[in-house]
N, C-alpha and C. Protein backbone atom coordinates (compact mmCIF):
# COMPACT_ATOMS: atom_id res chain seq x y z
N UNK A 1 39.38 93.73 229.63
CA UNK A 1 39.47 95.17 229.46
C UNK A 1 38.13 95.86 229.61
N UNK A 2 37.06 95.11 229.46
CA UNK A 2 35.73 95.69 229.60
C UNK A 2 35.19 95.62 231.02
N UNK A 3 35.91 94.99 231.92
CA UNK A 3 35.44 94.91 233.30
C UNK A 3 35.38 96.29 233.92
N UNK A 4 34.34 96.52 234.70
CA UNK A 4 34.26 97.80 235.39
C UNK A 4 35.02 97.70 236.71
N UNK A 5 35.28 98.83 237.29
CA UNK A 5 36.00 98.86 238.56
C UNK A 5 37.50 98.91 238.35
N UNK A 6 38.19 99.01 239.47
CA UNK A 6 39.64 99.12 239.43
C UNK A 6 40.28 97.73 239.29
N UNK A 7 41.22 97.60 238.35
CA UNK A 7 41.91 96.31 238.23
C UNK A 7 42.84 96.11 239.42
N UNK A 8 43.02 94.88 239.78
CA UNK A 8 43.91 94.58 240.90
C UNK A 8 45.15 93.84 240.44
N UNK A 9 45.31 93.75 239.13
CA UNK A 9 46.42 93.00 238.58
C UNK A 9 46.68 93.44 237.15
N UNK A 10 47.86 93.10 236.67
CA UNK A 10 48.18 93.27 235.25
C UNK A 10 48.00 91.91 234.59
N UNK A 11 47.83 91.91 233.29
CA UNK A 11 47.71 90.67 232.53
C UNK A 11 49.03 90.45 231.80
N UNK A 12 49.50 89.21 231.82
CA UNK A 12 50.72 88.85 231.11
C UNK A 12 50.35 88.09 229.84
N UNK A 13 50.77 88.61 228.71
CA UNK A 13 50.64 87.91 227.43
C UNK A 13 52.02 87.32 227.16
N UNK A 14 52.11 86.02 227.26
CA UNK A 14 53.41 85.34 227.23
C UNK A 14 53.50 84.39 226.05
N UNK A 15 54.67 84.32 225.46
CA UNK A 15 54.94 83.39 224.38
C UNK A 15 56.35 83.61 223.88
N UNK A 16 56.87 82.65 223.12
CA UNK A 16 58.24 82.79 222.60
C UNK A 16 58.32 83.90 221.55
N UNK A 17 59.55 84.36 221.34
CA UNK A 17 59.79 85.37 220.31
C UNK A 17 59.25 84.86 218.98
N UNK A 18 58.64 85.76 218.24
CA UNK A 18 58.15 85.41 216.92
C UNK A 18 56.81 84.71 216.90
N UNK A 19 56.17 84.57 218.06
CA UNK A 19 54.89 83.85 218.10
C UNK A 19 53.69 84.74 217.77
N UNK A 20 53.91 86.04 217.59
CA UNK A 20 52.83 86.92 217.19
C UNK A 20 52.18 87.71 218.32
N UNK A 21 52.82 87.81 219.45
CA UNK A 21 52.25 88.54 220.60
C UNK A 21 52.02 90.01 220.24
N UNK A 22 53.05 90.66 219.74
CA UNK A 22 52.94 92.08 219.40
C UNK A 22 51.95 92.29 218.27
N UNK A 23 51.97 91.41 217.30
CA UNK A 23 51.01 91.49 216.20
C UNK A 23 49.59 91.37 216.73
N UNK A 24 49.37 90.42 217.62
CA UNK A 24 48.05 90.25 218.23
C UNK A 24 47.59 91.53 218.91
N UNK A 25 48.47 92.14 219.68
CA UNK A 25 48.14 93.39 220.38
C UNK A 25 47.77 94.47 219.37
N UNK A 26 48.57 94.61 218.32
CA UNK A 26 48.29 95.63 217.29
C UNK A 26 46.91 95.42 216.67
N UNK A 27 46.64 94.20 216.24
CA UNK A 27 45.37 93.90 215.56
C UNK A 27 44.20 94.07 216.52
N UNK A 28 44.34 93.53 217.72
CA UNK A 28 43.26 93.60 218.70
C UNK A 28 42.87 95.05 218.98
N UNK A 29 43.86 95.88 219.26
CA UNK A 29 43.55 97.27 219.62
C UNK A 29 43.11 98.10 218.41
N UNK A 30 43.59 97.78 217.24
CA UNK A 30 43.11 98.48 216.04
C UNK A 30 41.63 98.17 215.83
N UNK A 31 41.26 96.88 215.96
CA UNK A 31 39.85 96.50 215.81
C UNK A 31 38.99 97.10 216.91
N UNK A 32 39.53 97.14 218.11
CA UNK A 32 38.81 97.72 219.25
C UNK A 32 38.54 99.21 219.02
N UNK A 33 39.54 99.92 218.51
CA UNK A 33 39.38 101.35 218.23
C UNK A 33 38.38 101.57 217.09
N UNK A 34 38.45 100.71 216.08
CA UNK A 34 37.48 100.83 214.97
C UNK A 34 36.05 100.70 215.50
N UNK A 35 35.82 99.76 216.41
CA UNK A 35 34.48 99.58 216.99
C UNK A 35 34.06 100.80 217.81
N UNK A 36 35.01 101.34 218.58
CA UNK A 36 34.72 102.55 219.35
C UNK A 36 34.33 103.70 218.44
N UNK A 37 35.06 103.84 217.35
CA UNK A 37 34.82 104.96 216.44
C UNK A 37 33.56 104.78 215.61
N UNK A 38 33.05 103.57 215.54
CA UNK A 38 31.76 103.38 214.87
C UNK A 38 30.65 104.00 215.72
N UNK A 39 30.84 103.97 217.04
CA UNK A 39 29.87 104.57 217.96
C UNK A 39 30.11 106.06 218.15
N UNK A 40 31.41 106.43 218.19
CA UNK A 40 31.79 107.82 218.41
C UNK A 40 33.01 108.12 217.55
N UNK A 41 32.80 108.87 216.50
CA UNK A 41 33.86 109.14 215.53
C UNK A 41 35.07 109.82 216.15
N UNK A 42 34.86 110.53 217.25
CA UNK A 42 35.95 111.26 217.91
C UNK A 42 36.56 110.49 219.08
N UNK A 43 36.22 109.21 219.20
CA UNK A 43 36.73 108.41 220.32
C UNK A 43 38.25 108.42 220.33
N UNK A 44 38.78 108.59 221.51
CA UNK A 44 40.24 108.63 221.69
C UNK A 44 40.77 107.21 221.81
N UNK A 45 41.87 106.96 221.17
CA UNK A 45 42.52 105.66 221.27
C UNK A 45 43.00 105.46 222.70
N UNK A 46 42.49 104.44 223.41
CA UNK A 46 42.89 104.25 224.80
C UNK A 46 44.27 103.62 224.97
N UNK A 47 44.82 103.08 223.89
CA UNK A 47 46.07 102.33 223.99
C UNK A 47 47.29 103.23 224.09
N UNK A 48 48.12 102.92 225.06
CA UNK A 48 49.47 103.48 225.12
C UNK A 48 50.40 102.27 225.20
N UNK A 49 51.09 102.05 224.11
CA UNK A 49 51.99 100.88 224.01
C UNK A 49 53.42 101.36 224.09
N UNK A 50 54.16 100.74 225.00
CA UNK A 50 55.54 101.12 225.25
C UNK A 50 56.42 99.90 224.99
N UNK A 51 57.50 100.11 224.27
CA UNK A 51 58.45 99.02 224.12
C UNK A 51 59.54 99.16 225.19
N UNK A 52 59.86 98.05 225.81
CA UNK A 52 60.90 98.05 226.83
C UNK A 52 62.25 97.63 226.24
N UNK A 53 62.24 97.30 224.96
CA UNK A 53 63.47 96.89 224.28
C UNK A 53 64.49 98.02 224.31
N UNK A 54 65.63 97.74 224.92
CA UNK A 54 66.71 98.71 224.98
C UNK A 54 66.56 99.83 225.99
N UNK A 55 65.47 99.83 226.75
CA UNK A 55 65.25 100.90 227.74
C UNK A 55 66.27 100.76 228.86
N UNK A 56 67.07 101.80 229.04
CA UNK A 56 68.15 101.75 230.04
C UNK A 56 67.86 102.58 231.28
N UNK A 57 66.74 103.31 231.25
CA UNK A 57 66.38 104.15 232.38
C UNK A 57 64.86 104.20 232.48
N UNK A 58 64.33 104.10 233.68
CA UNK A 58 62.87 104.11 233.85
C UNK A 58 62.24 105.39 233.33
N UNK A 59 62.97 106.50 233.36
CA UNK A 59 62.41 107.75 232.84
C UNK A 59 62.17 107.67 231.33
N UNK A 60 62.90 106.78 230.64
CA UNK A 60 62.67 106.61 229.20
C UNK A 60 61.30 105.99 228.94
N UNK A 61 60.82 105.18 229.88
CA UNK A 61 59.48 104.60 229.75
C UNK A 61 58.45 105.71 229.87
N UNK A 62 58.63 106.58 230.85
CA UNK A 62 57.71 107.70 231.04
C UNK A 62 57.71 108.60 229.81
N UNK A 63 58.87 108.82 229.23
CA UNK A 63 58.95 109.64 228.02
C UNK A 63 58.15 109.02 226.88
N UNK A 64 58.29 107.71 226.68
CA UNK A 64 57.51 107.04 225.63
C UNK A 64 56.01 107.18 225.91
N UNK A 65 55.62 107.00 227.17
CA UNK A 65 54.22 107.10 227.53
C UNK A 65 53.69 108.50 227.25
N UNK A 66 54.46 109.51 227.62
CA UNK A 66 54.05 110.90 227.41
C UNK A 66 53.88 111.17 225.92
N UNK A 67 54.85 110.74 225.12
CA UNK A 67 54.79 110.99 223.68
C UNK A 67 53.58 110.31 223.04
N UNK A 68 53.20 109.15 223.55
CA UNK A 68 52.04 108.45 222.99
C UNK A 68 50.73 109.01 223.52
N UNK A 69 50.74 109.49 224.76
CA UNK A 69 49.52 110.08 225.33
C UNK A 69 49.26 111.47 224.76
N UNK A 70 50.32 112.18 224.42
CA UNK A 70 50.23 113.55 223.92
C UNK A 70 51.11 113.71 222.68
N UNK A 71 50.74 113.11 221.56
CA UNK A 71 51.63 113.13 220.39
C UNK A 71 51.98 114.54 219.91
N UNK A 72 51.08 115.48 220.09
CA UNK A 72 51.36 116.85 219.65
C UNK A 72 52.42 117.49 220.54
N UNK A 73 52.42 117.12 221.82
CA UNK A 73 53.36 117.72 222.77
C UNK A 73 54.66 116.96 222.91
N UNK A 74 54.74 115.76 222.38
CA UNK A 74 55.91 114.92 222.58
C UNK A 74 57.17 115.48 221.95
N UNK A 75 58.26 114.84 222.23
CA UNK A 75 59.55 115.11 221.59
C UNK A 75 60.04 116.53 221.72
N UNK A 76 59.92 117.31 220.65
CA UNK A 76 60.50 118.66 220.59
C UNK A 76 59.91 119.58 221.65
N UNK A 77 58.60 119.48 221.89
CA UNK A 77 57.97 120.37 222.87
C UNK A 77 58.56 120.15 224.25
N UNK A 78 58.71 118.87 224.64
CA UNK A 78 59.29 118.58 225.95
C UNK A 78 60.71 119.11 226.03
N UNK A 79 61.48 118.96 224.94
CA UNK A 79 62.85 119.46 224.95
C UNK A 79 62.89 120.98 225.10
N UNK A 80 61.98 121.67 224.41
CA UNK A 80 61.92 123.13 224.51
C UNK A 80 61.54 123.55 225.93
N UNK A 81 60.48 122.91 226.47
CA UNK A 81 60.06 123.22 227.84
C UNK A 81 61.16 122.89 228.83
N UNK A 82 61.86 121.80 228.60
CA UNK A 82 62.95 121.41 229.47
C UNK A 82 64.06 122.45 229.43
N UNK A 83 64.37 122.95 228.26
CA UNK A 83 65.40 123.97 228.11
C UNK A 83 65.01 125.24 228.86
N UNK A 84 63.76 125.66 228.69
CA UNK A 84 63.26 126.85 229.40
C UNK A 84 63.30 126.61 230.91
N UNK A 85 62.82 125.42 231.30
CA UNK A 85 62.80 125.09 232.73
C UNK A 85 64.18 125.08 233.35
N UNK A 86 65.16 124.57 232.62
CA UNK A 86 66.53 124.54 233.12
C UNK A 86 67.05 125.94 233.36
N UNK A 87 66.65 126.88 232.51
CA UNK A 87 67.10 128.26 232.65
C UNK A 87 66.40 128.97 233.79
N UNK A 88 65.14 128.59 234.01
CA UNK A 88 64.40 129.22 235.11
C UNK A 88 64.88 128.71 236.47
N UNK A 89 65.43 127.50 236.44
CA UNK A 89 65.99 126.94 237.65
C UNK A 89 65.00 126.78 238.77
N UNK A 90 65.40 127.20 239.95
CA UNK A 90 64.60 127.00 241.15
C UNK A 90 63.30 127.76 241.21
N UNK A 91 63.07 128.68 240.32
CA UNK A 91 61.86 129.51 240.37
C UNK A 91 60.60 128.66 240.31
N UNK A 92 60.57 127.66 239.43
CA UNK A 92 59.37 126.84 239.29
C UNK A 92 59.58 125.41 239.80
N UNK A 93 60.61 125.21 240.60
CA UNK A 93 60.82 123.89 241.20
C UNK A 93 61.62 122.95 240.33
N UNK A 94 62.24 123.45 239.28
CA UNK A 94 63.09 122.61 238.44
C UNK A 94 64.54 122.86 238.81
N UNK A 95 65.40 121.93 238.42
CA UNK A 95 66.81 122.13 238.70
C UNK A 95 67.60 122.11 237.40
N UNK A 96 68.90 122.08 237.49
CA UNK A 96 69.72 122.16 236.29
C UNK A 96 69.91 120.81 235.60
N UNK A 97 69.39 119.74 236.17
CA UNK A 97 69.50 118.41 235.55
C UNK A 97 68.40 118.26 234.50
N UNK A 98 68.79 118.31 233.23
CA UNK A 98 67.81 118.28 232.13
C UNK A 98 66.96 117.02 232.15
N UNK A 99 67.54 115.88 232.50
CA UNK A 99 66.78 114.62 232.51
C UNK A 99 65.71 114.65 233.60
N UNK A 100 66.06 115.17 234.77
CA UNK A 100 65.08 115.29 235.85
C UNK A 100 63.98 116.27 235.48
N UNK A 101 64.34 117.37 234.83
CA UNK A 101 63.34 118.35 234.41
C UNK A 101 62.36 117.74 233.42
N UNK A 102 62.87 117.00 232.45
CA UNK A 102 61.99 116.38 231.45
C UNK A 102 61.03 115.42 232.14
N UNK A 103 61.54 114.65 233.08
CA UNK A 103 60.70 113.70 233.82
C UNK A 103 59.64 114.45 234.62
N UNK A 104 60.03 115.55 235.27
CA UNK A 104 59.09 116.35 236.05
C UNK A 104 57.97 116.90 235.16
N UNK A 105 58.35 117.46 234.02
CA UNK A 105 57.37 118.03 233.09
C UNK A 105 56.44 116.96 232.54
N UNK A 106 56.99 115.82 232.19
CA UNK A 106 56.17 114.73 231.65
C UNK A 106 55.17 114.25 232.69
N UNK A 107 55.64 114.01 233.89
CA UNK A 107 54.75 113.51 234.95
C UNK A 107 53.68 114.53 235.31
N UNK A 108 54.03 115.81 235.20
CA UNK A 108 53.11 116.87 235.55
C UNK A 108 51.88 116.86 234.63
N UNK A 109 52.06 116.53 233.37
CA UNK A 109 50.94 116.59 232.42
C UNK A 109 50.55 115.22 231.87
N UNK A 110 51.12 114.15 232.38
CA UNK A 110 50.80 112.81 231.89
C UNK A 110 49.51 112.33 232.54
N UNK A 111 48.41 112.47 231.82
CA UNK A 111 47.11 112.05 232.31
C UNK A 111 46.77 110.73 231.65
N UNK A 112 46.68 109.66 232.44
CA UNK A 112 46.46 108.33 231.89
C UNK A 112 45.06 107.79 232.20
N UNK A 113 44.18 108.64 232.70
CA UNK A 113 42.83 108.20 233.03
C UNK A 113 42.18 107.56 231.80
N UNK A 114 41.57 106.41 232.01
CA UNK A 114 40.87 105.65 230.96
C UNK A 114 41.80 105.12 229.86
N UNK A 115 43.07 105.08 230.12
CA UNK A 115 44.01 104.53 229.13
C UNK A 115 44.33 103.09 229.48
N UNK A 116 44.76 102.35 228.50
CA UNK A 116 45.20 100.97 228.67
C UNK A 116 46.68 100.95 228.32
N UNK A 117 47.49 100.48 229.24
CA UNK A 117 48.94 100.46 229.03
C UNK A 117 49.39 99.07 228.62
N UNK A 118 50.19 99.01 227.58
CA UNK A 118 50.80 97.76 227.15
C UNK A 118 52.31 97.97 227.19
N UNK A 119 52.98 97.14 227.96
CA UNK A 119 54.44 97.17 228.07
C UNK A 119 54.97 95.95 227.34
N UNK A 120 55.60 96.18 226.20
CA UNK A 120 56.03 95.10 225.31
C UNK A 120 57.52 94.81 225.51
N UNK A 121 57.89 93.56 225.32
CA UNK A 121 59.29 93.11 225.36
C UNK A 121 59.93 93.26 226.74
N UNK A 122 59.22 92.83 227.77
CA UNK A 122 59.75 92.90 229.14
C UNK A 122 61.15 92.30 229.23
N UNK A 123 61.34 91.16 228.62
CA UNK A 123 62.61 90.43 228.74
C UNK A 123 63.75 91.10 227.99
N UNK A 124 63.45 92.09 227.15
CA UNK A 124 64.49 92.71 226.31
C UNK A 124 65.02 94.02 226.87
N UNK A 125 64.57 94.40 228.06
CA UNK A 125 65.11 95.60 228.70
C UNK A 125 66.40 95.24 229.42
N UNK A 126 67.43 96.06 229.25
CA UNK A 126 68.67 95.79 229.98
C UNK A 126 68.57 96.12 231.48
N UNK A 127 67.49 96.77 231.89
CA UNK A 127 67.28 97.06 233.32
C UNK A 127 66.94 95.77 234.05
N UNK A 128 67.19 95.71 235.35
CA UNK A 128 66.73 94.54 236.10
C UNK A 128 65.21 94.41 235.96
N UNK A 129 64.76 93.22 235.62
CA UNK A 129 63.33 93.01 235.34
C UNK A 129 62.47 93.35 236.55
N UNK A 130 62.93 93.06 237.76
CA UNK A 130 62.10 93.38 238.92
C UNK A 130 61.96 94.88 239.11
N UNK A 131 62.94 95.67 238.69
CA UNK A 131 62.80 97.13 238.74
C UNK A 131 61.72 97.59 237.76
N UNK A 132 61.73 97.03 236.57
CA UNK A 132 60.73 97.37 235.57
C UNK A 132 59.34 96.94 236.06
N UNK A 133 59.26 95.75 236.65
CA UNK A 133 57.98 95.26 237.17
C UNK A 133 57.47 96.18 238.28
N UNK A 134 58.35 96.65 239.14
CA UNK A 134 57.96 97.58 240.19
C UNK A 134 57.44 98.88 239.61
N UNK A 135 58.10 99.37 238.57
CA UNK A 135 57.66 100.60 237.89
C UNK A 135 56.27 100.40 237.30
N UNK A 136 56.06 99.28 236.62
CA UNK A 136 54.77 98.97 236.01
C UNK A 136 53.70 98.83 237.08
N UNK A 137 54.03 98.22 238.19
CA UNK A 137 53.07 97.96 239.26
C UNK A 137 52.42 99.23 239.79
N UNK A 138 53.13 100.33 239.77
CA UNK A 138 52.54 101.59 240.26
C UNK A 138 51.31 101.97 239.45
N UNK A 139 51.29 101.65 238.17
CA UNK A 139 50.15 101.99 237.33
C UNK A 139 48.93 101.12 237.65
N UNK A 140 49.19 99.92 238.13
CA UNK A 140 48.10 99.02 238.52
C UNK A 140 47.59 99.37 239.91
N UNK A 141 48.50 99.38 240.88
CA UNK A 141 48.10 99.57 242.28
C UNK A 141 47.73 101.00 242.62
N UNK A 142 48.49 101.96 242.15
CA UNK A 142 48.27 103.35 242.55
C UNK A 142 47.36 104.11 241.59
N UNK A 143 47.58 103.92 240.29
CA UNK A 143 46.80 104.66 239.30
C UNK A 143 45.55 103.91 238.86
N UNK A 144 45.44 102.62 239.27
CA UNK A 144 44.25 101.79 238.97
C UNK A 144 43.97 101.71 237.47
N UNK A 145 45.04 101.53 236.69
CA UNK A 145 44.92 101.43 235.23
C UNK A 145 44.93 99.97 234.80
N UNK A 146 44.42 99.74 233.61
CA UNK A 146 44.47 98.40 233.02
C UNK A 146 45.81 98.28 232.30
N UNK A 147 46.52 97.20 232.64
CA UNK A 147 47.89 97.02 232.16
C UNK A 147 48.06 95.61 231.60
N UNK A 148 48.72 95.55 230.44
CA UNK A 148 49.10 94.28 229.83
C UNK A 148 50.61 94.30 229.66
N UNK A 149 51.26 93.23 230.08
CA UNK A 149 52.69 93.07 229.90
C UNK A 149 52.89 91.96 228.88
N UNK A 150 53.73 92.22 227.88
CA UNK A 150 54.01 91.24 226.84
C UNK A 150 55.45 90.78 227.02
N UNK A 151 55.63 89.45 227.11
CA UNK A 151 56.97 88.94 227.39
C UNK A 151 57.16 87.52 226.87
N UNK A 152 58.40 87.18 226.70
CA UNK A 152 58.81 85.81 226.44
C UNK A 152 59.54 85.36 227.70
N UNK A 153 58.82 84.65 228.56
CA UNK A 153 59.41 84.27 229.85
C UNK A 153 60.64 83.39 229.69
N UNK A 154 60.69 82.59 228.64
CA UNK A 154 61.85 81.72 228.45
C UNK A 154 63.11 82.50 228.12
N UNK A 155 62.96 83.78 227.75
CA UNK A 155 64.11 84.60 227.40
C UNK A 155 64.50 85.59 228.50
N UNK A 156 63.87 85.48 229.64
CA UNK A 156 64.29 86.30 230.78
C UNK A 156 65.67 85.80 231.20
N UNK A 157 66.61 86.71 231.42
CA UNK A 157 67.97 86.28 231.78
C UNK A 157 67.96 85.30 232.95
N UNK A 158 68.76 84.27 232.80
CA UNK A 158 68.80 83.19 233.81
C UNK A 158 69.07 83.72 235.22
N UNK A 159 69.94 84.73 235.33
CA UNK A 159 70.27 85.26 236.65
C UNK A 159 69.12 86.07 237.28
N UNK A 160 68.05 86.32 236.52
CA UNK A 160 66.90 87.06 237.03
C UNK A 160 65.64 86.19 237.15
N UNK A 161 65.72 84.95 236.67
CA UNK A 161 64.56 84.06 236.64
C UNK A 161 63.93 83.84 238.02
N UNK A 162 64.74 83.54 239.00
CA UNK A 162 64.21 83.22 240.34
C UNK A 162 63.46 84.40 240.93
N UNK A 163 64.06 85.58 240.87
CA UNK A 163 63.41 86.77 241.42
C UNK A 163 62.16 87.14 240.61
N UNK A 164 62.24 86.99 239.29
CA UNK A 164 61.08 87.24 238.44
C UNK A 164 59.92 86.32 238.83
N UNK A 165 60.20 85.03 238.92
CA UNK A 165 59.15 84.06 239.27
C UNK A 165 58.55 84.34 240.63
N UNK A 166 59.37 84.80 241.58
CA UNK A 166 58.87 85.09 242.92
C UNK A 166 57.96 86.31 242.94
N UNK A 167 58.18 87.26 242.03
CA UNK A 167 57.44 88.52 242.05
C UNK A 167 56.32 88.62 241.03
N UNK A 168 56.34 87.81 240.01
CA UNK A 168 55.38 88.02 238.91
C UNK A 168 53.93 87.83 239.34
N UNK A 169 53.67 87.01 240.30
CA UNK A 169 52.28 86.81 240.74
C UNK A 169 51.78 87.98 241.58
N UNK A 170 52.67 88.82 242.03
CA UNK A 170 52.26 89.98 242.82
C UNK A 170 51.83 91.08 241.90
């Protein structure tokens, strides 16, 4: 995480359920933030941790990221802006689909520069794992962010194992 330059890959933290992966991430980043704040009391927490458990739509990942990147603006504010946007319709480039509007608004103000993304519980998303991996990959390849994926590879659904193994090194 301290390497300079653009990362060319994500890091996989792998282990069986209950082995302490999520706990390790929590402790590591809490200690890291404490050290940052010893130097600069106003240092911003670089961590954005997203759980993939139960995520049924990729836009739900973006919503979690937005809420963690902008806790003051998350949740109710997006819903209010979405409601206003839906009423304004085509005037500002939004449409009547509330879910698309929320995604548009979140992406418009989601600034992830200098953030570290952690995607936890890869194997527990009901979405196809390769779709989730493709979504995550955009943050590495296009946004040049530091990304950690936390997973229990032994719990990846058997029908997705072959495709997962073929793509994970990319």
